[in-house]
Amino acid sequence: PGIVAGVAQILAEAECSIVDINQTVVQGKFAMVIIANSARARESAAELKERLRSGGEKLGVRIYAQREDLFNAMHRI
């Protein structure tokens, strides 16, 4: 409990908007994907990534953040 709220709070504090969110349980593990708009973010992508990593530790989860352009390049067919 509190994982979605914790991540949403970090994004809200950084002035990022959640565009889409999906969550499921995979092989008994909670998995969540959030698409966030960081156009108005008050910090760099690297700073936000570090805040998400640190916040995830406090929540007892691992958070992996990736820029959309890099994600798209890695998943191109």
C-alpha atoms as a PDB file:
ATOM      1  CA  PRO A   1       0.000   0.000   0.000  1.00  0.00           C
ATOM      2  CA  GLY A   2       1.137   3.531  -0.776  1.00  0.00           C
ATOM      3  CA  ILE A   3       3.384   2.826  -3.754  1.00  0.00           C
ATOM      4  CA  VAL A   4       1.208   4.615  -6.319  1.00  0.00           C
ATOM      5  CA  ALA A   5       0.625   7.525  -3.942  1.00  0.00           C
ATOM      6  CA  GLY A   6       4.332   7.798  -3.134  1.00  0.00           C
ATOM      7  CA  VAL A   7       5.413   7.876  -6.761  1.00  0.00           C
ATOM      8  CA  ALA A   8       2.605  10.289  -7.678  1.00  0.00           C
ATOM      9  CA  GLN A   9       3.725  12.587  -4.855  1.00  0.00           C
ATOM     10  CA  ILE A  10       7.302  12.672  -6.144  1.00  0.00           C
ATOM     11  CA  LEU A  11       6.068  13.513  -9.641  1.00  0.00           C
ATOM     12  CA  ALA A  12       3.675  16.180  -8.343  1.00  0.00           C
ATOM     13  CA  GLU A  13       6.418  17.856  -6.308  1.00  0.00           C
ATOM     14  CA  ALA A  14       8.526  18.005  -9.485  1.00  0.00           C
ATOM     15  CA  GLU A  15       5.604  19.571 -11.429  1.00  0.00           C
ATOM     16  CA  CYS A  16       5.214  16.490 -13.648  1.00  0.00           C
ATOM     17  CA  SER A  17       1.810  15.308 -14.835  1.00  0.00           C
ATOM     18  CA  ILE A  18       0.828  11.654 -15.018  1.00  0.00           C
ATOM     19  CA  VAL A  19      -0.378  10.981 -18.556  1.00  0.00           C
ATOM     20  CA  ASP A  20      -1.053   7.255 -18.195  1.00  0.00           C
ATOM     21  CA  ILE A  21      -0.606   4.589 -15.556  1.00  0.00           C
ATOM     22  CA  ASN A  22      -0.863   0.826 -15.637  1.00  0.00           C
ATOM     23  CA  GLN A  23      -0.275  -1.623 -12.845  1.00  0.00           C
ATOM     24  CA  THR A  24      -0.426  -5.372 -12.551  1.00  0.00           C
ATOM     25  CA  VAL A  25       1.036  -8.312 -10.671  1.00  0.00           C
ATOM     26  CA  VAL A  26       3.567 -10.368 -12.666  1.00  0.00           C
ATOM     27  CA  GLN A  27       4.713 -13.671 -11.184  1.00  0.00           C
ATOM     28  CA  GLY A  28       3.664 -12.451  -7.753  1.00  0.00           C
ATOM     29  CA  LYS A  29       5.457  -9.100  -8.081  1.00  0.00           C
ATOM     30  CA  PHE A  30       3.841  -5.688  -8.357  1.00  0.00           C
ATOM     31  CA  ALA A  31       4.690  -3.926 -11.626  1.00  0.00           C
ATOM     32  CA  MET A  32       3.683  -0.391 -12.544  1.00  0.00           C
ATOM     33  CA  VAL A  33       4.315   1.716 -15.631  1.00  0.00           C
ATOM     34  CA  ILE A  34       3.745   5.465 -15.481  1.00  0.00           C
ATOM     35  CA  ILE A  35       3.987   7.786 -18.454  1.00  0.00           C
ATOM     36  CA  ALA A  36       4.669  11.273 -17.117  1.00  0.00           C
ATOM     37  CA  ASN A  37       4.935  14.633 -18.838  1.00  0.00           C
ATOM     38  CA  SER A  38       7.978  16.475 -17.506  1.00  0.00           C
ATOM     39  CA  ALA A  39       7.721  19.522 -19.790  1.00  0.00           C
ATOM     40  CA  ARG A  40       7.067  21.787 -16.776  1.00  0.00           C
ATOM     41  CA  ALA A  41       9.448  19.956 -14.436  1.00  0.00           C
ATOM     42  CA  ARG A  42      11.455  22.145 -12.095  1.00  0.00           C
ATOM     43  CA  GLU A  43      14.470  19.852 -12.234  1.00  0.00           C
ATOM     44  CA  SER A  44      16.533  17.997 -14.814  1.00  0.00           C
ATOM     45  CA  ALA A  45      15.746  14.465 -15.934  1.00  0.00           C
ATOM     46  CA  ALA A  46      18.807  13.238 -14.006  1.00  0.00           C
ATOM     47  CA  GLU A  47      17.658  14.953 -10.796  1.00  0.00           C
ATOM     48  CA  LEU A  48      14.142  13.580 -11.147  1.00  0.00           C
ATOM     49  CA  LYS A  49      15.496  10.104 -11.843  1.00  0.00           C
ATOM     50  CA  GLU A  50      17.561  10.280  -8.634  1.00  0.00           C
ATOM     51  CA  ARG A  51      14.543  11.485  -6.607  1.00  0.00           C
ATOM     52  CA  LEU A  52      12.492   8.575  -7.944  1.00  0.00           C
ATOM     53  CA  ARG A  53      15.283   6.098  -7.115  1.00  0.00           C
ATOM     54  CA  SER A  54      15.620   7.503  -3.608  1.00  0.00           C
ATOM     55  CA  GLY A  55      11.857   7.633  -3.095  1.00  0.00           C
ATOM     56  CA  GLY A  56      11.570   4.047  -4.248  1.00  0.00           C
ATOM     57  CA  GLU A  57      14.070   2.944  -1.611  1.00  0.00           C
ATOM     58  CA  LYS A  58      11.913   4.569   1.065  1.00  0.00           C
ATOM     59  CA  LEU A  59       8.861   2.754  -0.314  1.00  0.00           C
ATOM     60  CA  GLY A  60      10.741  -0.554  -0.448  1.00  0.00           C
ATOM     61  CA  VAL A  61      10.619  -0.806  -4.248  1.00  0.00           C
ATOM     62  CA  ARG A  62      12.951  -0.249  -7.196  1.00  0.00           C
ATOM     63  CA  ILE A  63      12.000   2.530  -9.586  1.00  0.00           C
ATOM     64  CA  TYR A  64      13.520   2.657 -13.050  1.00  0.00           C
ATOM     65  CA  ALA A  65      12.990   5.932 -14.913  1.00  0.00           C
ATOM     66  CA  GLN A  66      13.768   6.428 -18.569  1.00  0.00           C
ATOM     67  CA  ARG A  67      13.281   9.268 -21.033  1.00  0.00           C
ATOM     68  CA  GLU A  68      10.750   8.561 -23.768  1.00  0.00           C
ATOM     69  CA  ASP A  69      13.166   9.135 -26.641  1.00  0.00           C
ATOM     70  CA  LEU A  70      15.590   6.559 -25.220  1.00  0.00           C
ATOM     71  CA  PHE A  71      12.762   4.108 -24.517  1.00  0.00           C
ATOM     72  CA  ASN A  72      11.462   4.459 -28.086  1.00  0.00           C
ATOM     73  CA  ALA A  73      14.930   3.986 -29.571  1.00  0.00           C
ATOM     74  CA  MET A  74      15.488   0.816 -27.543  1.00  0.00           C
ATOM     75  CA  HIS A  75      12.114  -0.689 -28.472  1.00  0.00           C
ATOM     76  CA  ARG A  76      12.078   0.043 -32.180  1.00  0.00           C
ATOM     77  CA  ILE A  77      11.461  -2.968 -34.405  1.00  0.00           C
END
